[in-house]
Amino acid sequence: MAEKKLSKKDVVKAFWRWTFFSHANYNYERLEATGLVHAFKHVIKKLYGDDEEEYKACIKRHMQFFNTEPHIGGVIPGIVLAMEEERANGAPITDDAINGVKTGLMGPFAGIGDTLWQGTLTPILLAFGISLGSQGNLLGPLIYTLLMFGIMWPVAYFCWMKGYELGKEGIEKILGGNQLQMLITGASAMGAIVLGALSSQFVTVHCSAIIKIGSMEMNVQETVFDALFLGILPLAVTLLTLYLLKNRKMKATTVMVILILIGLIGGGLGFLGAAS
């Protein structure tokens, strides 16, 4: 039997299909599974098109629940492509082995990818784009979009191709040592620093209360809060929001209503108001 070999074009085509369609049919039963099958469809046909039973079995195993961050996590489908290629050529790779790789790696790589994109890169680029846009510069959203895709696509392509290159033997390299945990910890720390900086810049809370003692007037914001801790009110609101979302597990809309009520009540009592 002639060896079945995927070309680079096959692997790259699967990458682009995954990039654009991984979330096209995102659903709570299978999440990214249908997107993965769509990305693999030409590969499945090439490897198993002459064997109807194997063809159906391949589709069925990749229709199992699968969910990860699609860019950094693209290393997983890359590894699976190599495993499917080996299996099609007679290697003793079972359905459980393939699905085991997917389910075992999708969580760790989702953690890495979400931390890097949502917790680090996106806030940094948004801060840059919003700062330009807030000044009336139309290049703000354009620069954000170009930088995001200019960084995201090369990284995603590298991860996908590296996964295919490593194949199933690459799992031990990926999970070996403490590099994975170091990357997660470092990215989390950077994300927290960036979000802290964004909170300081964009969260504005000002106390407008004035205490009158005889002929003397005391500005509570300047003489109390600023003297005690510069920016303490914005920090308090930020921490309150974090507490309600993370510890009390409240919905974002509920937290927004609470913050609006705090603003309305504080403004009505003359405690909160615009900075002079």
C-alpha atoms as a PDB file:
ATOM      1  CA  MET A   1       0.000   0.000   0.000  1.00  0.00           C
ATOM      2  CA  ALA A   2       1.356   3.396  -1.021  1.00  0.00           C
ATOM      3  CA  GLU A   3       2.256   5.742   1.826  1.00  0.00           C
ATOM      4  CA  LYS A   4      -0.291   8.460   2.475  1.00  0.00           C
ATOM      5  CA  LYS A   5       1.481  11.746   2.934  1.00  0.00           C
ATOM      6  CA  LEU A   6       0.045  15.165   3.710  1.00  0.00           C
ATOM      7  CA  SER A   7       1.613  17.999   1.746  1.00  0.00           C
ATOM      8  CA  LYS A   8       2.456  21.353   3.279  1.00  0.00           C
ATOM      9  CA  LYS A   9      -0.429  22.764   1.253  1.00  0.00           C
ATOM     10  CA  ASP A  10      -2.812  20.334   3.002  1.00  0.00           C
ATOM     11  CA  VAL A  11      -1.567  21.373   6.444  1.00  0.00           C
ATOM     12  CA  VAL A  12      -1.660  25.101   5.660  1.00  0.00           C
ATOM     13  CA  LYS A  13      -5.148  24.803   4.156  1.00  0.00           C
ATOM     14  CA  ALA A  14      -6.338  23.149   7.369  1.00  0.00           C
ATOM     15  CA  PHE A  15      -4.761  25.992   9.358  1.00  0.00           C
ATOM     16  CA  TRP A  16      -6.620  28.712   7.462  1.00  0.00           C
ATOM     17  CA  ARG A  17      -9.913  26.837   7.702  1.00  0.00           C
ATOM     18  CA  TRP A  18      -9.420  26.460  11.446  1.00  0.00           C
ATOM     19  CA  THR A  19      -8.479  30.127  11.819  1.00  0.00           C
ATOM     20  CA  PHE A  20     -11.615  31.412  10.110  1.00  0.00           C
ATOM     21  CA  PHE A  21     -14.138  28.714  11.049  1.00  0.00           C
ATOM     22  CA  SER A  22     -13.154  27.348  14.479  1.00  0.00           C
ATOM     23  CA  HIS A  23     -16.049  29.300  16.040  1.00  0.00           C
ATOM     24  CA  ALA A  24     -18.377  29.398  13.025  1.00  0.00           C
ATOM     25  CA  ASN A  25     -20.676  26.771  14.561  1.00  0.00           C
ATOM     26  CA  TYR A  26     -19.686  27.220  18.206  1.00  0.00           C
ATOM     27  CA  ASN A  27     -22.284  25.481  20.366  1.00  0.00           C
ATOM     28  CA  TYR A  28     -22.625  24.219  23.926  1.00  0.00           C
ATOM     29  CA  GLU A  29     -22.840  20.551  22.954  1.00  0.00           C
ATOM     30  CA  ARG A  30     -19.580  20.236  21.005  1.00  0.00           C
ATOM     31  CA  LEU A  31     -18.109  23.771  21.099  1.00  0.00           C
ATOM     32  CA  GLU A  32     -15.316  23.793  18.454  1.00  0.00           C
ATOM     33  CA  ALA A  33     -15.730  20.203  17.228  1.00  0.00           C
ATOM     34  CA  THR A  34     -17.614  21.029  14.024  1.00  0.00           C
ATOM     35  CA  GLY A  35     -15.090  23.768  13.239  1.00  0.00           C
ATOM     36  CA  LEU A  36     -12.299  21.217  13.647  1.00  0.00           C
ATOM     37  CA  VAL A  37     -13.992  18.707  11.336  1.00  0.00           C
ATOM     38  CA  HIS A  38     -14.476  21.437   8.747  1.00  0.00           C
ATOM     39  CA  ALA A  39     -10.779  22.356   8.993  1.00  0.00           C
ATOM     40  CA  PHE A  40      -9.822  18.680   8.562  1.00  0.00           C
ATOM     41  CA  LYS A  41     -12.328  17.718   5.872  1.00  0.00           C
ATOM     42  CA  HIS A  42      -9.891  17.634   2.942  1.00  0.00           C
ATOM     43  CA  VAL A  43      -7.327  15.834   5.111  1.00  0.00           C
ATOM     44  CA  ILE A  44      -9.863  13.215   6.206  1.00  0.00           C
ATOM     45  CA  LYS A  45     -10.831  12.601   2.582  1.00  0.00           C
ATOM     46  CA  LYS A  46      -7.202  12.286   1.492  1.00  0.00           C
ATOM     47  CA  LEU A  47      -6.232   9.905   4.289  1.00  0.00           C
ATOM     48  CA  TYR A  48      -9.383   7.786   4.538  1.00  0.00           C
ATOM     49  CA  GLY A  49     -11.331   8.439   1.344  1.00  0.00           C
ATOM     50  CA  ASP A  50     -10.734   4.908   0.089  1.00  0.00           C
ATOM     51  CA  ASP A  51     -12.016   3.309   3.311  1.00  0.00           C
ATOM     52  CA  GLU A  52     -15.606   4.252   4.138  1.00  0.00           C
ATOM     53  CA  GLU A  53     -15.522   2.847   7.673  1.00  0.00           C
ATOM     54  CA  GLU A  54     -12.305   4.669   8.627  1.00  0.00           C
ATOM     55  CA  TYR A  55     -13.627   7.815   6.961  1.00  0.00           C
ATOM     56  CA  LYS A  56     -16.761   7.754   9.126  1.00  0.00           C
ATOM     57  CA  ALA A  57     -14.774   6.812  12.238  1.00  0.00           C
ATOM     58  CA  CYS A  58     -12.436   9.792  11.774  1.00  0.00           C
ATOM     59  CA  ILE A  59     -15.338  12.232  11.472  1.00  0.00           C
ATOM     60  CA  LYS A  60     -17.016  10.679  14.497  1.00  0.00           C
ATOM     61  CA  ARG A  61     -13.957  10.930  16.766  1.00  0.00           C
ATOM     62  CA  HIS A  62     -13.405  14.579  15.869  1.00  0.00           C
ATOM     63  CA  MET A  63     -17.051  15.405  16.507  1.00  0.00           C
ATOM     64  CA  GLN A  64     -16.382  14.804  20.188  1.00  0.00           C
ATOM     65  CA  PHE A  65     -16.399  17.799  22.546  1.00  0.00           C
ATOM     66  CA  PHE A  66     -13.366  20.010  21.904  1.00  0.00           C
ATOM     67  CA  ASN A  67     -12.603  23.528  23.075  1.00  0.00           C
ATOM     68  CA  THR A  68      -9.410  25.530  23.373  1.00  0.00           C
ATOM     69  CA  GLU A  69      -7.985  28.946  22.564  1.00  0.00           C
ATOM     70  CA  PRO A  70      -7.773  28.754  18.744  1.00  0.00           C
ATOM     71  CA  HIS A  71      -4.408  30.467  18.143  1.00  0.00           C
ATOM     72  CA  ILE A  72      -1.943  29.165  20.721  1.00  0.00           C
ATOM     73  CA  GLY A  73      -4.175  26.090  21.024  1.00  0.00           C
ATOM     74  CA  GLY A  74      -3.749  25.440  17.300  1.00  0.00           C
ATOM     75  CA  VAL A  75      -0.750  23.342  18.261  1.00  0.00           C
ATOM     76  CA  ILE A  76      -3.232  20.612  19.278  1.00  0.00           C
ATOM     77  CA  PRO A  77      -4.913  20.161  15.862  1.00  0.00           C
ATOM     78  CA  GLY A  78      -1.416  20.283  14.384  1.00  0.00           C
ATOM     79  CA  ILE A  79      -0.349  17.335  16.549  1.00  0.00           C
ATOM     80  CA  VAL A  80      -3.588  15.505  15.742  1.00  0.00           C
ATOM     81  CA  LEU A  81      -2.977  15.954  12.008  1.00  0.00           C
ATOM     82  CA  ALA A  82       0.352  14.162  12.383  1.00  0.00           C
ATOM     83  CA  MET A  83      -1.283  11.396  14.429  1.00  0.00           C
ATOM     84  CA  GLU A  84      -4.013  10.904  11.815  1.00  0.00           C
ATOM     85  CA  GLU A  85      -1.377  10.711   9.101  1.00  0.00           C
ATOM     86  CA  GLU A  86       0.515   8.049  11.034  1.00  0.00           C
ATOM     87  CA  ARG A  87      -2.672   6.110  11.723  1.00  0.00           C
ATOM     88  CA  ALA A  88      -3.654   6.175   8.032  1.00  0.00           C
ATOM     89  CA  ASN A  89      -0.283   4.551   7.294  1.00  0.00           C
ATOM     90  CA  GLY A  90      -0.849   1.697   9.735  1.00  0.00           C
ATOM     91  CA  ALA A  91       0.525   3.048  13.022  1.00  0.00           C
ATOM     92  CA  PRO A  92      -1.257   1.556  16.091  1.00  0.00           C
ATOM     93  CA  ILE A  93      -2.899   4.834  17.147  1.00  0.00           C
ATOM     94  CA  THR A  94      -6.356   4.355  18.647  1.00  0.00           C
ATOM     95  CA  ASP A  95      -9.349   6.667  18.829  1.00  0.00           C
ATOM     96  CA  ASP A  96      -8.745   7.006  22.562  1.00  0.00           C
ATOM     97  CA  ALA A  97      -5.131   8.056  21.964  1.00  0.00           C
ATOM     98  CA  ILE A  98      -6.150  10.828  19.567  1.00  0.00           C
ATOM     99  CA  ASN A  99      -9.011  12.083  21.716  1.00  0.00           C
ATOM    100  CA  GLY A 100      -6.804  11.755  24.795  1.00  0.00           C
ATOM    101  CA  VAL A 101      -4.287  14.175  23.270  1.00  0.00           C
ATOM    102  CA  LYS A 102      -7.058  16.648  22.486  1.00  0.00           C
ATOM    103  CA  THR A 103      -8.767  16.520  25.863  1.00  0.00           C
ATOM    104  CA  GLY A 104      -5.482  16.444  27.780  1.00  0.00           C
ATOM    105  CA  LEU A 105      -3.990  19.494  26.077  1.00  0.00           C
ATOM    106  CA  MET A 106      -7.006  21.682  25.358  1.00  0.00           C
ATOM    107  CA  GLY A 107      -7.231  22.991  28.947  1.00  0.00           C
ATOM    108  CA  PRO A 108      -3.563  23.965  29.439  1.00  0.00           C
ATOM    109  CA  PHE A 109      -3.308  25.634  26.040  1.00  0.00           C
ATOM    110  CA  ALA A 110      -6.620  27.419  26.551  1.00  0.00           C
ATOM    111  CA  GLY A 111      -5.166  28.836  29.767  1.00  0.00           C
ATOM    112  CA  ILE A 112      -2.016  30.011  28.003  1.00  0.00           C
ATOM    113  CA  GLY A 113      -3.831  31.414  24.979  1.00  0.00           C
ATOM    114  CA  ASP A 114      -6.550  33.234  26.928  1.00  0.00           C
ATOM    115  CA  THR A 115      -3.975  34.743  29.265  1.00  0.00           C
ATOM    116  CA  LEU A 116      -1.754  35.939  26.427  1.00  0.00           C
ATOM    117  CA  TRP A 117      -4.520  37.264  24.148  1.00  0.00           C
ATOM    118  CA  GLN A 118      -7.359  38.371  26.407  1.00  0.00           C
ATOM    119  CA  GLY A 119      -5.362  39.173  29.525  1.00  0.00           C
ATOM    120  CA  THR A 120      -2.201  40.659  28.017  1.00  0.00           C
ATOM    121  CA  LEU A 121      -2.078  41.511  24.317  1.00  0.00           C
ATOM    122  CA  THR A 122      -5.653  42.743  23.852  1.00  0.00           C
ATOM    123  CA  PRO A 123      -5.610  45.202  26.815  1.00  0.00           C
ATOM    124  CA  ILE A 124      -2.213  46.583  25.760  1.00  0.00           C
ATOM    125  CA  LEU A 125      -3.268  47.121  22.148  1.00  0.00           C
ATOM    126  CA  LEU A 126      -6.686  48.456  23.189  1.00  0.00           C
ATOM    127  CA  ALA A 127      -5.047  50.962  25.519  1.00  0.00           C
ATOM    128  CA  PHE A 128      -2.879  52.132  22.632  1.00  0.00           C
ATOM    129  CA  GLY A 129      -5.762  52.280  20.138  1.00  0.00           C
ATOM    130  CA  ILE A 130      -8.235  53.891  22.553  1.00  0.00           C
ATOM    131  CA  SER A 131      -5.726  56.543  23.594  1.00  0.00           C
ATOM    132  CA  LEU A 132      -5.390  57.558  19.945  1.00  0.00           C
ATOM    133  CA  GLY A 133      -9.118  57.297  19.245  1.00  0.00           C
ATOM    134  CA  SER A 134     -10.041  59.382  22.302  1.00  0.00           C
ATOM    135  CA  GLN A 135      -8.038  62.227  20.778  1.00  0.00           C
ATOM    136  CA  GLY A 136     -10.108  62.032  17.589  1.00  0.00           C
ATOM    137  CA  ASN A 137      -7.448  60.119  15.658  1.00  0.00           C
ATOM    138  CA  LEU A 138      -9.125  57.651  13.273  1.00  0.00           C
ATOM    139  CA  LEU A 139      -5.913  55.640  13.129  1.00  0.00           C
ATOM    140  CA  GLY A 140      -6.686  54.311  16.637  1.00  0.00           C
ATOM    141  CA  PRO A 141      -9.008  51.441  15.634  1.00  0.00           C
ATOM    142  CA  LEU A 142      -7.067  50.817  12.428  1.00  0.00           C
ATOM    143  CA  ILE A 143      -3.736  50.469  14.233  1.00  0.00           C
ATOM    144  CA  TYR A 144      -5.338  48.216  16.870  1.00  0.00           C
ATOM    145  CA  THR A 145      -6.749  45.913  14.178  1.00  0.00           C
ATOM    146  CA  LEU A 146      -3.527  45.768  12.168  1.00  0.00           C
ATOM    147  CA  LEU A 147      -1.368  45.113  15.222  1.00  0.00           C
ATOM    148  CA  MET A 148      -3.733  42.456  16.565  1.00  0.00           C
ATOM    149  CA  PHE A 149      -3.873  40.463  13.343  1.00  0.00           C
ATOM    150  CA  GLY A 150      -0.217  41.174  12.550  1.00  0.00           C
ATOM    151  CA  ILE A 151       0.795  39.529  15.822  1.00  0.00           C
ATOM    152  CA  MET A 152      -1.950  36.907  16.081  1.00  0.00           C
ATOM    153  CA  TRP A 153      -1.712  35.228  12.687  1.00  0.00           C
ATOM    154  CA  PRO A 154       2.065  34.604  12.626  1.00  0.00           C
ATOM    155  CA  VAL A 155       1.963  33.187  16.163  1.00  0.00           C
ATOM    156  CA  ALA A 156      -1.047  30.992  15.311  1.00  0.00           C
ATOM    157  CA  TYR A 157       0.618  29.739  12.121  1.00  0.00           C
ATOM    158  CA  PHE A 158       3.824  28.926  13.984  1.00  0.00           C
ATOM    159  CA  CYS A 159       1.957  26.981  16.687  1.00  0.00           C
ATOM    160  CA  TRP A 160      -0.059  25.007  14.134  1.00  0.00           C
ATOM    161  CA  MET A 161       2.961  24.055  12.024  1.00  0.00           C
ATOM    162  CA  LYS A 162       5.092  23.311  15.087  1.00  0.00           C
ATOM    163  CA  GLY A 163       2.365  21.005  16.385  1.00  0.00           C
ATOM    164  CA  TYR A 164       2.326  19.090  13.105  1.00  0.00           C
ATOM    165  CA  GLU A 165       6.113  18.946  13.086  1.00  0.00           C
ATOM    166  CA  LEU A 166       6.303  17.608  16.631  1.00  0.00           C
ATOM    167  CA  GLY A 167       3.490  15.099  16.232  1.00  0.00           C
ATOM    168  CA  LYS A 168       2.519  12.845  19.078  1.00  0.00           C
ATOM    169  CA  GLU A 169       6.102  12.648  20.343  1.00  0.00           C
ATOM    170  CA  GLY A 170       6.034  16.381  20.970  1.00  0.00           C
ATOM    171  CA  ILE A 171       3.613  16.076  23.884  1.00  0.00           C
ATOM    172  CA  GLU A 172       6.378  15.167  26.306  1.00  0.00           C
ATOM    173  CA  LYS A 173       8.460  18.129  25.101  1.00  0.00           C
ATOM    174  CA  ILE A 174       5.531  20.504  25.527  1.00  0.00           C
ATOM    175  CA  LEU A 175       4.642  19.344  29.015  1.00  0.00           C
ATOM    176  CA  GLY A 176       8.160  18.554  30.190  1.00  0.00           C
ATOM    177  CA  GLY A 177       9.852  20.710  32.831  1.00  0.00           C
ATOM    178  CA  ASN A 178       8.242  23.826  34.252  1.00  0.00           C
ATOM    179  CA  GLN A 179       8.233  26.000  31.122  1.00  0.00           C
ATOM    180  CA  LEU A 180       4.446  25.764  30.808  1.00  0.00           C
ATOM    181  CA  GLN A 181       3.809  27.013  34.346  1.00  0.00           C
ATOM    182  CA  MET A 182       6.435  29.750  34.018  1.00  0.00           C
ATOM    183  CA  LEU A 183       4.774  31.026  30.845  1.00  0.00           C
ATOM    184  CA  ILE A 184       1.320  31.064  32.453  1.00  0.00           C
ATOM    185  CA  THR A 185       2.623  32.820  35.596  1.00  0.00           C
ATOM    186  CA  GLY A 186       4.559  35.437  33.654  1.00  0.00           C
ATOM    187  CA  ALA A 187       1.679  36.175  31.298  1.00  0.00           C
ATOM    188  CA  SER A 188      -0.764  36.417  34.210  1.00  0.00           C
ATOM    189  CA  ALA A 189       1.496  38.883  36.032  1.00  0.00           C
ATOM    190  CA  MET A 190       1.879  41.061  32.957  1.00  0.00           C
ATOM    191  CA  GLY A 191      -1.857  40.975  32.349  1.00  0.00           C
ATOM    192  CA  ALA A 192      -2.539  42.090  35.935  1.00  0.00           C
ATOM    193  CA  ILE A 193      -0.055  44.975  35.597  1.00  0.00           C
ATOM    194  CA  VAL A 194      -1.616  46.147  32.333  1.00  0.00           C
ATOM    195  CA  LEU A 195      -5.160  45.945  33.710  1.00  0.00           C
ATOM    196  CA  GLY A 196      -4.054  47.872  36.788  1.00  0.00           C
ATOM    197  CA  ALA A 197      -2.630  50.606  34.592  1.00  0.00           C
ATOM    198  CA  LEU A 198      -5.810  50.711  32.503  1.00  0.00           C
ATOM    199  CA  SER A 199      -7.947  50.986  35.648  1.00  0.00           C
ATOM    200  CA  SER A 200      -5.857  53.902  36.881  1.00  0.00           C
ATOM    201  CA  GLN A 201      -6.233  55.700  33.565  1.00  0.00           C
ATOM    202  CA  PHE A 202      -9.885  55.064  32.691  1.00  0.00           C
ATOM    203  CA  VAL A 203     -11.736  54.589  36.019  1.00  0.00           C
ATOM    204  CA  THR A 204     -12.660  58.021  37.351  1.00  0.00           C
ATOM    205  CA  VAL A 205     -14.371  58.515  40.711  1.00  0.00           C
ATOM    206  CA  HIS A 206     -14.405  61.924  42.395  1.00  0.00           C
ATOM    207  CA  CYS A 207     -15.791  62.995  45.746  1.00  0.00           C
ATOM    208  CA  SER A 208     -17.516  66.382  45.450  1.00  0.00           C
ATOM    209  CA  ALA A 209     -18.409  66.735  49.125  1.00  0.00           C
ATOM    210  CA  ILE A 210     -17.439  69.983  50.838  1.00  0.00           C
ATOM    211  CA  ILE A 211     -17.403  70.182  54.639  1.00  0.00           C
ATOM    212  CA  LYS A 212     -18.019  73.680  56.024  1.00  0.00           C
ATOM    213  CA  ILE A 213     -16.777  74.537  59.483  1.00  0.00           C
ATOM    214  CA  GLY A 214     -17.594  78.146  60.219  1.00  0.00           C
ATOM    215  CA  SER A 215     -16.009  80.192  57.494  1.00  0.00           C
ATOM    216  CA  MET A 216     -13.674  77.364  56.538  1.00  0.00           C
ATOM    217  CA  GLU A 217     -14.435  74.918  53.704  1.00  0.00           C
ATOM    218  CA  MET A 218     -12.747  71.542  53.446  1.00  0.00           C
ATOM    219  CA  ASN A 219     -12.651  69.672  50.131  1.00  0.00           C
ATOM    220  CA  VAL A 220     -13.010  65.989  51.141  1.00  0.00           C
ATOM    221  CA  GLN A 221     -11.390  64.726  47.923  1.00  0.00           C
ATOM    222  CA  GLU A 222      -8.237  66.809  48.320  1.00  0.00           C
ATOM    223  CA  THR A 223      -7.826  66.903  52.087  1.00  0.00           C
ATOM    224  CA  VAL A 224      -8.904  63.347  52.896  1.00  0.00           C
ATOM    225  CA  PHE A 225      -8.822  60.890  50.000  1.00  0.00           C
ATOM    226  CA  ASP A 226      -5.900  62.350  48.014  1.00  0.00           C
ATOM    227  CA  ALA A 227      -3.895  62.880  51.200  1.00  0.00           C
ATOM    228  CA  LEU A 228      -4.608  59.347  52.366  1.00  0.00           C
ATOM    229  CA  PHE A 229      -4.007  57.506  49.073  1.00  0.00           C
ATOM    230  CA  LEU A 230      -3.997  59.168  45.658  1.00  0.00           C
ATOM    231  CA  GLY A 231      -6.556  57.370  43.485  1.00  0.00           C
ATOM    232  CA  ILE A 232      -8.106  55.434  46.360  1.00  0.00           C
ATOM    233  CA  LEU A 233     -11.702  55.867  45.123  1.00  0.00           C
ATOM    234  CA  PRO A 234     -11.070  54.510  41.584  1.00  0.00           C
ATOM    235  CA  LEU A 235      -9.097  51.646  43.154  1.00  0.00           C
ATOM    236  CA  ALA A 236     -11.967  50.897  45.555  1.00  0.00           C
ATOM    237  CA  VAL A 237     -14.507  50.778  42.719  1.00  0.00           C
ATOM    238  CA  THR A 238     -12.203  48.542  40.650  1.00  0.00           C
ATOM    239  CA  LEU A 239     -11.678  46.126  43.552  1.00  0.00           C
ATOM    240  CA  LEU A 240     -15.399  46.124  44.335  1.00  0.00           C
ATOM    241  CA  THR A 241     -16.154  45.223  40.721  1.00  0.00           C
ATOM    242  CA  LEU A 242     -13.570  42.444  40.795  1.00  0.00           C
ATOM    243  CA  TYR A 243     -14.964  41.107  44.073  1.00  0.00           C
ATOM    244  CA  LEU A 244     -18.532  41.033  42.793  1.00  0.00           C
ATOM    245  CA  LEU A 245     -17.566  39.328  39.527  1.00  0.00           C
ATOM    246  CA  LYS A 246     -15.021  36.843  40.841  1.00  0.00           C
ATOM    247  CA  ASN A 247     -15.991  36.104  44.438  1.00  0.00           C
ATOM    248  CA  ARG A 248     -19.739  36.676  44.423  1.00  0.00           C
ATOM    249  CA  LYS A 249     -20.102  35.260  40.879  1.00  0.00           C
ATOM    250  CA  MET A 250     -22.450  38.041  39.821  1.00  0.00           C
ATOM    251  CA  LYS A 251     -23.357  38.667  36.206  1.00  0.00           C
ATOM    252  CA  ALA A 252     -21.682  41.613  34.515  1.00  0.00           C
ATOM    253  CA  THR A 253     -25.054  43.279  33.928  1.00  0.00           C
ATOM    254  CA  THR A 254     -25.890  42.999  37.647  1.00  0.00           C
ATOM    255  CA  VAL A 255     -22.577  44.599  38.576  1.00  0.00           C
ATOM    256  CA  MET A 256     -23.205  47.419  36.101  1.00  0.00           C
ATOM    257  CA  VAL A 257     -26.590  48.111  37.713  1.00  0.00           C
ATOM    258  CA  ILE A 258     -24.961  48.186  41.171  1.00  0.00           C
ATOM    259  CA  LEU A 259     -22.323  50.671  39.976  1.00  0.00           C
ATOM    260  CA  ILE A 260     -25.002  52.855  38.368  1.00  0.00           C
ATOM    261  CA  LEU A 261     -27.000  52.855  41.607  1.00  0.00           C
ATOM    262  CA  ILE A 262     -23.887  53.800  43.585  1.00  0.00           C
ATOM    263  CA  GLY A 263     -23.307  56.699  41.194  1.00  0.00           C
ATOM    264  CA  LEU A 264     -26.925  57.875  41.338  1.00  0.00           C
ATOM    265  CA  ILE A 265     -27.180  57.653  45.125  1.00  0.00           C
ATOM    266  CA  GLY A 266     -23.746  59.200  45.647  1.00  0.00           C
ATOM    267  CA  GLY A 267     -24.568  62.005  43.234  1.00  0.00           C
ATOM    268  CA  GLY A 268     -27.985  62.572  44.777  1.00  0.00           C
ATOM    269  CA  LEU A 269     -26.449  62.886  48.237  1.00  0.00           C
ATOM    270  CA  GLY A 270     -23.818  65.282  46.910  1.00  0.00           C
ATOM    271  CA  PHE A 271     -20.990  62.884  47.744  1.00  0.00           C
ATOM    272  CA  LEU A 272     -19.943  61.966  44.181  1.00  0.00           C
ATOM    273  CA  GLY A 273     -19.661  64.321  41.244  1.00  0.00           C
ATOM    274  CA  ALA A 274     -17.531  65.579  38.412  1.00  0.00           C
ATOM    275  CA  ALA A 275     -13.999  66.682  39.150  1.00  0.00           C
ATOM    276  CA  SER A 276     -13.624  70.430  39.310  1.00  0.00           C
END
